[in-house]
């Protein structure tokens, strides 16, 4: 775990810092130690409008945190810190009705640019078991990149962070970037995995109004995006934005951006 004093997106040192706190479960699980210091700074960058915590975790620490995510030992550990309501939330998120609606929403958003007629290769980046891949892409060669694979789907090829696969026509990155410490690493990796002129779909929660920057309590969402910040990020990594959305869907209040690799 390290602490930063500059913007994790644009690198500016002109950041505002406010008092913040990380939930004990997150820090303890990331570090593998109990009773870790949970105090942090809440950083805001006026250049690119990034907001997040100054605490950053390496890939090994993030892998430790997300091992068996929302199941098994992870869930037992988290319930011990935060109570039984965590399990109810996990079960709610896995309801089939929500999943089916989410797949339809993603397809409706991308279909004018990436659809069953134009997508032969697709990657769900951080997509668990690939259950969020829209049904219209069932014919495509589908991949999932994850830190660990807990079950196998014969229609999907699972890859790790260091594996090499074919260039993609479409990458879906839904509710992933708010969790990661090195945003630019993941954006660059996805850009390099795409064919030229092909598409990246990113969706993140809109949590800007949930709490003030001062005194913010961070859980596993260590990055708090805005539409402005997402657009800056896409331009920084050589994407032209072809569609964007701010509003509500079955996941809640979100920002959605579809970018074309240039």
C-alpha atoms as a PDB file:
ATOM      1  CA  UNK A   1       0.000   0.000   0.000  1.00  0.00           C
ATOM      2  CA  UNK A   2       1.274   3.461  -0.857  1.00  0.00           C
ATOM      3  CA  UNK A   3       0.053   7.027  -0.567  1.00  0.00           C
ATOM      4  CA  UNK A   4      -0.009   9.500  -3.430  1.00  0.00           C
ATOM      5  CA  UNK A   5       0.027  13.298  -3.406  1.00  0.00           C
ATOM      6  CA  UNK A   6      -0.873  13.894  -7.050  1.00  0.00           C
ATOM      7  CA  UNK A   7      -3.749  13.049  -9.381  1.00  0.00           C
ATOM      8  CA  UNK A   8      -3.783   9.376 -10.342  1.00  0.00           C
ATOM      9  CA  UNK A   9      -5.274  10.232 -13.762  1.00  0.00           C
ATOM     10  CA  UNK A  10      -3.504  13.313 -15.095  1.00  0.00           C
ATOM     11  CA  UNK A  11      -0.559  13.500 -12.683  1.00  0.00           C
ATOM     12  CA  UNK A  12      -1.239  17.082 -11.592  1.00  0.00           C
ATOM     13  CA  UNK A  13       0.197  18.172  -8.243  1.00  0.00           C
ATOM     14  CA  UNK A  14      -2.465  20.880  -7.943  1.00  0.00           C
ATOM     15  CA  UNK A  15      -4.840  18.692  -5.939  1.00  0.00           C
ATOM     16  CA  UNK A  16      -7.087  19.617  -3.052  1.00  0.00           C
ATOM     17  CA  UNK A  17      -6.872  17.298  -0.044  1.00  0.00           C
ATOM     18  CA  UNK A  18      -9.579  16.632   2.514  1.00  0.00           C
ATOM     19  CA  UNK A  19      -9.737  14.280   5.459  1.00  0.00           C
ATOM     20  CA  UNK A  20     -11.010  10.825   4.590  1.00  0.00           C
ATOM     21  CA  UNK A  21     -11.311   7.319   5.959  1.00  0.00           C
ATOM     22  CA  UNK A  22     -11.106   3.845   4.426  1.00  0.00           C
ATOM     23  CA  UNK A  23     -13.387   1.120   5.793  1.00  0.00           C
ATOM     24  CA  UNK A  24     -11.389  -1.255   8.049  1.00  0.00           C
ATOM     25  CA  UNK A  25     -12.372  -4.383   6.114  1.00  0.00           C
ATOM     26  CA  UNK A  26     -10.888  -3.034   2.876  1.00  0.00           C
ATOM     27  CA  UNK A  27      -7.531  -2.011   4.347  1.00  0.00           C
ATOM     28  CA  UNK A  28      -7.188  -5.129   6.506  1.00  0.00           C
ATOM     29  CA  UNK A  29      -7.970  -7.473   3.628  1.00  0.00           C
ATOM     30  CA  UNK A  30      -5.726  -5.626   1.153  1.00  0.00           C
ATOM     31  CA  UNK A  31      -2.770  -5.653   3.546  1.00  0.00           C
ATOM     32  CA  UNK A  32      -3.470  -9.048   5.087  1.00  0.00           C
ATOM     33  CA  UNK A  33      -3.192  -7.521   8.563  1.00  0.00           C
ATOM     34  CA  UNK A  34      -5.834  -6.656  11.155  1.00  0.00           C
ATOM     35  CA  UNK A  35      -6.016  -3.265  12.804  1.00  0.00           C
ATOM     36  CA  UNK A  36      -4.452  -1.321   9.927  1.00  0.00           C
ATOM     37  CA  UNK A  37      -4.581   2.472   9.851  1.00  0.00           C
ATOM     38  CA  UNK A  38      -7.738   3.545   8.023  1.00  0.00           C
ATOM     39  CA  UNK A  39      -7.083   7.286   7.855  1.00  0.00           C
ATOM     40  CA  UNK A  40      -6.534   8.673   4.365  1.00  0.00           C
ATOM     41  CA  UNK A  41      -6.877  11.782   2.270  1.00  0.00           C
ATOM     42  CA  UNK A  42      -9.730  12.468  -0.129  1.00  0.00           C
ATOM     43  CA  UNK A  43      -8.126  13.982  -3.241  1.00  0.00           C
ATOM     44  CA  UNK A  44      -9.762  16.186  -5.858  1.00  0.00           C
ATOM     45  CA  UNK A  45      -8.039  17.335  -9.042  1.00  0.00           C
ATOM     46  CA  UNK A  46      -9.338  20.608 -10.579  1.00  0.00           C
ATOM     47  CA  UNK A  47      -7.580  19.824 -13.887  1.00  0.00           C
ATOM     48  CA  UNK A  48      -9.363  16.599 -14.836  1.00  0.00           C
ATOM     49  CA  UNK A  49     -12.019  16.490 -12.057  1.00  0.00           C
ATOM     50  CA  UNK A  50     -10.754  13.233 -10.561  1.00  0.00           C
ATOM     51  CA  UNK A  51     -11.824  12.412  -6.993  1.00  0.00           C
ATOM     52  CA  UNK A  52     -10.621   9.474  -4.926  1.00  0.00           C
ATOM     53  CA  UNK A  53      -8.541   8.291  -2.031  1.00  0.00           C
ATOM     54  CA  UNK A  54      -4.792   8.824  -1.799  1.00  0.00           C
ATOM     55  CA  UNK A  55      -4.338   5.213  -0.616  1.00  0.00           C
ATOM     56  CA  UNK A  56      -3.259   2.998  -3.512  1.00  0.00           C
ATOM     57  CA  UNK A  57      -2.823  -0.760  -3.577  1.00  0.00           C
ATOM     58  CA  UNK A  58      -0.572  -2.864  -5.792  1.00  0.00           C
ATOM     59  CA  UNK A  59      -1.842  -5.710  -7.986  1.00  0.00           C
ATOM     60  CA  UNK A  60      -0.938  -8.331  -5.381  1.00  0.00           C
ATOM     61  CA  UNK A  61      -2.918  -6.502  -2.703  1.00  0.00           C
ATOM     62  CA  UNK A  62      -5.907  -6.064  -5.001  1.00  0.00           C
ATOM     63  CA  UNK A  63      -5.806  -9.768  -5.909  1.00  0.00           C
ATOM     64  CA  UNK A  64      -5.808 -10.625  -2.203  1.00  0.00           C
ATOM     65  CA  UNK A  65      -8.822  -8.402  -1.609  1.00  0.00           C
ATOM     66  CA  UNK A  66     -10.917  -9.735  -4.510  1.00  0.00           C
ATOM     67  CA  UNK A  67     -10.097 -13.426  -4.057  1.00  0.00           C
ATOM     68  CA  UNK A  68     -13.425 -15.320  -3.915  1.00  0.00           C
ATOM     69  CA  UNK A  69     -15.166 -11.958  -4.263  1.00  0.00           C
ATOM     70  CA  UNK A  70     -18.634 -11.944  -2.664  1.00  0.00           C
ATOM     71  CA  UNK A  71     -18.432 -15.676  -1.928  1.00  0.00           C
ATOM     72  CA  UNK A  72     -16.587 -18.191   0.209  1.00  0.00           C
ATOM     73  CA  UNK A  73     -13.945 -16.898   2.593  1.00  0.00           C
ATOM     74  CA  UNK A  74     -14.280 -13.318   1.296  1.00  0.00           C
ATOM     75  CA  UNK A  75     -17.946 -13.153   2.264  1.00  0.00           C
ATOM     76  CA  UNK A  76     -17.343 -14.764   5.661  1.00  0.00           C
ATOM     77  CA  UNK A  77     -14.550 -12.265   6.337  1.00  0.00           C
ATOM     78  CA  UNK A  78     -16.640  -9.275   5.287  1.00  0.00           C
ATOM     79  CA  UNK A  79     -19.697 -10.338   7.282  1.00  0.00           C
ATOM     80  CA  UNK A  80     -17.459 -10.520  10.365  1.00  0.00           C
ATOM     81  CA  UNK A  81     -16.658  -6.823   9.856  1.00  0.00           C
ATOM     82  CA  UNK A  82     -19.900  -5.453   8.461  1.00  0.00           C
ATOM     83  CA  UNK A  83     -22.755  -7.765   9.415  1.00  0.00           C
ATOM     84  CA  UNK A  84     -25.176 -10.125   7.699  1.00  0.00           C
ATOM     85  CA  UNK A  85     -26.626  -7.414   5.439  1.00  0.00           C
ATOM     86  CA  UNK A  86     -23.592  -7.891   3.168  1.00  0.00           C
ATOM     87  CA  UNK A  87     -24.868 -11.323   2.159  1.00  0.00           C
ATOM     88  CA  UNK A  88     -28.323  -9.947   1.422  1.00  0.00           C
ATOM     89  CA  UNK A  89     -26.759  -7.316  -0.835  1.00  0.00           C
ATOM     90  CA  UNK A  90     -24.702  -9.966  -2.643  1.00  0.00           C
ATOM     91  CA  UNK A  91     -27.793 -12.102  -3.203  1.00  0.00           C
ATOM     92  CA  UNK A  92     -29.728  -9.075  -4.441  1.00  0.00           C
ATOM     93  CA  UNK A  93     -27.044  -8.239  -7.001  1.00  0.00           C
ATOM     94  CA  UNK A  94     -27.148 -11.791  -8.346  1.00  0.00           C
ATOM     95  CA  UNK A  95     -30.885 -11.869  -8.994  1.00  0.00           C
ATOM     96  CA  UNK A  96     -31.507 -13.100 -12.533  1.00  0.00           C
ATOM     97  CA  UNK A  97     -33.922 -10.284 -13.393  1.00  0.00           C
ATOM     98  CA  UNK A  98     -31.303  -7.634 -12.718  1.00  0.00           C
ATOM     99  CA  UNK A  99     -28.679  -9.512 -14.724  1.00  0.00           C
ATOM    100  CA  UNK A 100     -30.928  -9.916 -17.757  1.00  0.00           C
ATOM    101  CA  UNK A 101     -31.868  -6.238 -17.747  1.00  0.00           C
ATOM    102  CA  UNK A 102     -28.216  -5.210 -17.409  1.00  0.00           C
ATOM    103  CA  UNK A 103     -27.262  -7.218 -20.496  1.00  0.00           C
ATOM    104  CA  UNK A 104     -30.067  -5.604 -22.483  1.00  0.00           C
ATOM    105  CA  UNK A 105     -29.022  -2.115 -21.363  1.00  0.00           C
ATOM    106  CA  UNK A 106     -25.419  -2.635 -22.420  1.00  0.00           C
ATOM    107  CA  UNK A 107     -26.441  -3.973 -25.823  1.00  0.00           C
ATOM    108  CA  UNK A 108     -28.870  -1.111 -26.449  1.00  0.00           C
ATOM    109  CA  UNK A 109     -26.098   1.361 -25.649  1.00  0.00           C
ATOM    110  CA  UNK A 110     -23.477  -0.128 -27.983  1.00  0.00           C
ATOM    111  CA  UNK A 111     -25.530  -1.663 -30.810  1.00  0.00           C
ATOM    112  CA  UNK A 112     -25.371   1.289 -33.229  1.00  0.00           C
ATOM    113  CA  UNK A 113     -21.576   0.929 -33.261  1.00  0.00           C
ATOM    114  CA  UNK A 114     -20.887  -2.650 -32.121  1.00  0.00           C
ATOM    115  CA  UNK A 115     -23.465  -5.368 -32.714  1.00  0.00           C
ATOM    116  CA  UNK A 116     -23.815  -9.023 -33.680  1.00  0.00           C
ATOM    117  CA  UNK A 117     -22.923  -8.169 -37.296  1.00  0.00           C
ATOM    118  CA  UNK A 118     -19.685  -6.335 -36.493  1.00  0.00           C
ATOM    119  CA  UNK A 119     -18.314  -8.017 -33.359  1.00  0.00           C
ATOM    120  CA  UNK A 120     -16.419 -11.288 -33.802  1.00  0.00           C
ATOM    121  CA  UNK A 121     -14.199 -10.952 -30.726  1.00  0.00           C
ATOM    122  CA  UNK A 122     -15.262  -9.542 -27.356  1.00  0.00           C
ATOM    123  CA  UNK A 123     -13.590  -9.134 -23.959  1.00  0.00           C
ATOM    124  CA  UNK A 124     -15.429  -8.632 -20.670  1.00  0.00           C
ATOM    125  CA  UNK A 125     -12.724  -6.884 -18.622  1.00  0.00           C
ATOM    126  CA  UNK A 126     -13.083  -7.824 -14.957  1.00  0.00           C
ATOM    127  CA  UNK A 127     -16.317  -9.600 -15.886  1.00  0.00           C
ATOM    128  CA  UNK A 128     -16.375 -12.394 -13.287  1.00  0.00           C
ATOM    129  CA  UNK A 129     -17.734 -15.403 -15.221  1.00  0.00           C
ATOM    130  CA  UNK A 130     -18.886 -13.426 -18.264  1.00  0.00           C
ATOM    131  CA  UNK A 131     -22.498 -13.495 -17.123  1.00  0.00           C
ATOM    132  CA  UNK A 132     -22.863  -9.838 -18.135  1.00  0.00           C
ATOM    133  CA  UNK A 133     -22.066 -10.399 -21.822  1.00  0.00           C
ATOM    134  CA  UNK A 134     -25.174  -9.560 -23.891  1.00  0.00           C
ATOM    135  CA  UNK A 135     -26.850 -12.577 -25.506  1.00  0.00           C
ATOM    136  CA  UNK A 136     -26.530 -11.021 -28.969  1.00  0.00           C
ATOM    137  CA  UNK A 137     -22.777 -11.695 -28.832  1.00  0.00           C
ATOM    138  CA  UNK A 138     -23.121 -15.432 -28.133  1.00  0.00           C
ATOM    139  CA  UNK A 139     -21.742 -16.188 -31.615  1.00  0.00           C
ATOM    140  CA  UNK A 140     -18.560 -14.165 -31.010  1.00  0.00           C
ATOM    141  CA  UNK A 141     -15.277 -15.408 -29.569  1.00  0.00           C
ATOM    142  CA  UNK A 142     -15.769 -14.248 -25.997  1.00  0.00           C
ATOM    143  CA  UNK A 143     -13.047 -13.704 -23.405  1.00  0.00           C
ATOM    144  CA  UNK A 144     -13.069 -12.725 -19.741  1.00  0.00           C
ATOM    145  CA  UNK A 145     -10.071 -11.157 -18.000  1.00  0.00           C
ATOM    146  CA  UNK A 146     -10.085 -11.742 -14.249  1.00  0.00           C
ATOM    147  CA  UNK A 147      -7.707 -12.025 -11.309  1.00  0.00           C
ATOM    148  CA  UNK A 148      -8.978 -15.565 -10.667  1.00  0.00           C
ATOM    149  CA  UNK A 149     -11.285 -18.043 -12.373  1.00  0.00           C
ATOM    150  CA  UNK A 150     -13.687 -19.923 -10.125  1.00  0.00           C
ATOM    151  CA  UNK A 151     -15.747 -21.814 -12.703  1.00  0.00           C
ATOM    152  CA  UNK A 152     -15.529 -22.421 -16.415  1.00  0.00           C
ATOM    153  CA  UNK A 153     -17.968 -21.720 -19.222  1.00  0.00           C
ATOM    154  CA  UNK A 154     -17.160 -23.681 -22.376  1.00  0.00           C
ATOM    155  CA  UNK A 155     -18.205 -20.733 -24.544  1.00  0.00           C
ATOM    156  CA  UNK A 156     -15.744 -18.326 -22.865  1.00  0.00           C
ATOM    157  CA  UNK A 157     -11.950 -18.213 -22.806  1.00  0.00           C
ATOM    158  CA  UNK A 158     -10.628 -16.985 -19.458  1.00  0.00           C
ATOM    159  CA  UNK A 159      -7.384 -15.043 -19.410  1.00  0.00           C
ATOM    160  CA  UNK A 160      -5.179 -13.515 -16.722  1.00  0.00           C
ATOM    161  CA  UNK A 161      -3.537 -10.114 -16.644  1.00  0.00           C
ATOM    162  CA  UNK A 162      -0.357 -11.363 -18.351  1.00  0.00           C
ATOM    163  CA  UNK A 163      -1.992 -13.539 -21.009  1.00  0.00           C
ATOM    164  CA  UNK A 164      -2.023 -12.562 -24.673  1.00  0.00           C
ATOM    165  CA  UNK A 165      -5.151 -12.938 -26.783  1.00  0.00           C
ATOM    166  CA  UNK A 166      -6.369 -11.840 -30.188  1.00  0.00           C
ATOM    167  CA  UNK A 167      -7.218  -8.153 -30.808  1.00  0.00           C
ATOM    168  CA  UNK A 168     -10.788  -7.297 -29.817  1.00  0.00           C
ATOM    169  CA  UNK A 169     -13.715  -5.721 -31.651  1.00  0.00           C
ATOM    170  CA  UNK A 170     -15.389  -4.733 -28.363  1.00  0.00           C
ATOM    171  CA  UNK A 171     -14.301  -4.512 -24.737  1.00  0.00           C
ATOM    172  CA  UNK A 172     -16.880  -4.190 -21.967  1.00  0.00           C
ATOM    173  CA  UNK A 173     -15.617  -2.740 -18.680  1.00  0.00           C
ATOM    174  CA  UNK A 174     -18.636  -2.432 -16.401  1.00  0.00           C
ATOM    175  CA  UNK A 175     -18.228  -1.325 -12.776  1.00  0.00           C
ATOM    176  CA  UNK A 176     -14.525  -2.131 -12.623  1.00  0.00           C
ATOM    177  CA  UNK A 177     -12.548   1.135 -12.803  1.00  0.00           C
ATOM    178  CA  UNK A 178     -13.968   2.484  -9.546  1.00  0.00           C
ATOM    179  CA  UNK A 179     -12.186  -0.423  -7.780  1.00  0.00           C
ATOM    180  CA  UNK A 180      -8.663  -0.234  -9.224  1.00  0.00           C
ATOM    181  CA  UNK A 181      -5.656   1.696  -7.943  1.00  0.00           C
ATOM    182  CA  UNK A 182      -3.862   2.312 -11.246  1.00  0.00           C
ATOM    183  CA  UNK A 183      -6.581   3.554 -13.611  1.00  0.00           C
ATOM    184  CA  UNK A 184      -4.176   4.439 -16.416  1.00  0.00           C
ATOM    185  CA  UNK A 185      -2.634   0.953 -16.380  1.00  0.00           C
ATOM    186  CA  UNK A 186      -6.018  -0.629 -17.068  1.00  0.00           C
ATOM    187  CA  UNK A 187      -7.073   1.956 -19.662  1.00  0.00           C
ATOM    188  CA  UNK A 188      -3.801   1.511 -21.547  1.00  0.00           C
ATOM    189  CA  UNK A 189      -4.095  -2.270 -21.357  1.00  0.00           C
ATOM    190  CA  UNK A 190      -7.621  -2.181 -22.803  1.00  0.00           C
ATOM    191  CA  UNK A 191      -6.564   0.238 -25.545  1.00  0.00           C
ATOM    192  CA  UNK A 192      -3.750  -2.105 -26.553  1.00  0.00           C
ATOM    193  CA  UNK A 193      -6.138  -5.069 -26.662  1.00  0.00           C
ATOM    194  CA  UNK A 194      -8.491  -3.340 -29.122  1.00  0.00           C
ATOM    195  CA  UNK A 195      -8.304  -3.228 -32.877  1.00  0.00           C
ATOM    196  CA  UNK A 196      -7.972   0.233 -34.397  1.00  0.00           C
ATOM    197  CA  UNK A 197     -11.370   1.950 -34.769  1.00  0.00           C
ATOM    198  CA  UNK A 198     -13.036  -0.612 -32.493  1.00  0.00           C
ATOM    199  CA  UNK A 199     -14.900   0.076 -29.260  1.00  0.00           C
ATOM    200  CA  UNK A 200     -14.550   0.279 -25.480  1.00  0.00           C
ATOM    201  CA  UNK A 201     -17.635   0.485 -23.263  1.00  0.00           C
ATOM    202  CA  UNK A 202     -17.053   1.784 -19.737  1.00  0.00           C
ATOM    203  CA  UNK A 203     -19.693   2.107 -17.038  1.00  0.00           C
ATOM    204  CA  UNK A 204     -19.020   3.413 -13.530  1.00  0.00           C
ATOM    205  CA  UNK A 205     -21.305   4.491 -10.686  1.00  0.00           C
ATOM    206  CA  UNK A 206     -22.165   8.153 -10.245  1.00  0.00           C
ATOM    207  CA  UNK A 207     -21.308   8.721  -6.594  1.00  0.00           C
ATOM    208  CA  UNK A 208     -20.376  12.388  -6.682  1.00  0.00           C
ATOM    209  CA  UNK A 209     -23.399  13.485  -4.647  1.00  0.00           C
ATOM    210  CA  UNK A 210     -23.413  10.520  -2.249  1.00  0.00           C
ATOM    211  CA  UNK A 211     -20.971  12.188   0.158  1.00  0.00           C
ATOM    212  CA  UNK A 212     -18.974  15.390   0.291  1.00  0.00           C
ATOM    213  CA  UNK A 213     -15.271  15.244  -0.513  1.00  0.00           C
ATOM    214  CA  UNK A 214     -14.421  16.331   3.026  1.00  0.00           C
ATOM    215  CA  UNK A 215     -14.756  13.454   5.489  1.00  0.00           C
ATOM    216  CA  UNK A 216     -15.537  10.937   2.766  1.00  0.00           C
ATOM    217  CA  UNK A 217     -15.629   7.277   3.779  1.00  0.00           C
ATOM    218  CA  UNK A 218     -14.217   4.991   1.093  1.00  0.00           C
ATOM    219  CA  UNK A 219     -15.109   1.348   0.744  1.00  0.00           C
ATOM    220  CA  UNK A 220     -14.033  -0.706  -2.277  1.00  0.00           C
ATOM    221  CA  UNK A 221     -14.857   2.196  -4.598  1.00  0.00           C
ATOM    222  CA  UNK A 222     -11.627   4.139  -4.287  1.00  0.00           C
ATOM    223  CA  UNK A 223     -12.227   6.246  -7.434  1.00  0.00           C
ATOM    224  CA  UNK A 224     -15.198   8.614  -7.685  1.00  0.00           C
ATOM    225  CA  UNK A 225     -15.648   9.543 -11.335  1.00  0.00           C
ATOM    226  CA  UNK A 226     -17.509  12.355 -13.058  1.00  0.00           C
ATOM    227  CA  UNK A 227     -18.543  12.635 -16.704  1.00  0.00           C
ATOM    228  CA  UNK A 228     -15.808  15.232 -17.213  1.00  0.00           C
ATOM    229  CA  UNK A 229     -13.188  12.974 -15.685  1.00  0.00           C
ATOM    230  CA  UNK A 230     -14.235   9.980 -17.801  1.00  0.00           C
ATOM    231  CA  UNK A 231     -14.070  12.052 -20.989  1.00  0.00           C
ATOM    232  CA  UNK A 232     -10.603  13.278 -20.019  1.00  0.00           C
ATOM    233  CA  UNK A 233      -9.536   9.671 -19.409  1.00  0.00           C
ATOM    234  CA  UNK A 234     -10.809   8.482 -22.796  1.00  0.00           C
ATOM    235  CA  UNK A 235      -9.044  11.280 -24.647  1.00  0.00           C
ATOM    236  CA  UNK A 236      -5.828  10.653 -22.697  1.00  0.00           C
ATOM    237  CA  UNK A 237      -5.797   7.053 -23.900  1.00  0.00           C
ATOM    238  CA  UNK A 238      -6.602   7.808 -27.546  1.00  0.00           C
ATOM    239  CA  UNK A 239     -10.322   7.184 -27.749  1.00  0.00           C
ATOM    240  CA  UNK A 240     -12.914   9.288 -29.542  1.00  0.00           C
ATOM    241  CA  UNK A 241     -16.190   9.319 -27.611  1.00  0.00           C
ATOM    242  CA  UNK A 242     -19.090   8.234 -29.805  1.00  0.00           C
ATOM    243  CA  UNK A 243     -21.776   7.961 -27.154  1.00  0.00           C
ATOM    244  CA  UNK A 244     -22.205   8.934 -23.507  1.00  0.00           C
ATOM    245  CA  UNK A 245     -24.927   8.789 -20.878  1.00  0.00           C
ATOM    246  CA  UNK A 246     -25.476  10.146 -17.394  1.00  0.00           C
ATOM    247  CA  UNK A 247     -28.519   8.859 -15.542  1.00  0.00           C
ATOM    248  CA  UNK A 248     -30.125   5.781 -14.035  1.00  0.00           C
ATOM    249  CA  UNK A 249     -30.282   2.135 -15.079  1.00  0.00           C
ATOM    250  CA  UNK A 250     -30.779  -1.187 -13.278  1.00  0.00           C
ATOM    251  CA  UNK A 251     -27.426  -0.711 -11.557  1.00  0.00           C
ATOM    252  CA  UNK A 252     -28.333   2.708 -10.147  1.00  0.00           C
ATOM    253  CA  UNK A 253     -27.010   6.160 -11.074  1.00  0.00           C
ATOM    254  CA  UNK A 254     -24.197   5.763 -13.576  1.00  0.00           C
ATOM    255  CA  UNK A 255     -21.903   7.317 -16.156  1.00  0.00           C
ATOM    256  CA  UNK A 256     -21.572   5.363 -19.420  1.00  0.00           C
ATOM    257  CA  UNK A 257     -19.117   6.090 -22.221  1.00  0.00           C
ATOM    258  CA  UNK A 258     -18.505   4.305 -25.527  1.00  0.00           C
ATOM    259  CA  UNK A 259     -15.182   5.163 -27.114  1.00  0.00           C
ATOM    260  CA  UNK A 260     -13.641   4.316 -30.485  1.00  0.00           C
ATOM    261  CA  UNK A 261      -9.916   3.568 -30.534  1.00  0.00           C
ATOM    262  CA  UNK A 262      -7.888   5.976 -32.647  1.00  0.00           C
END
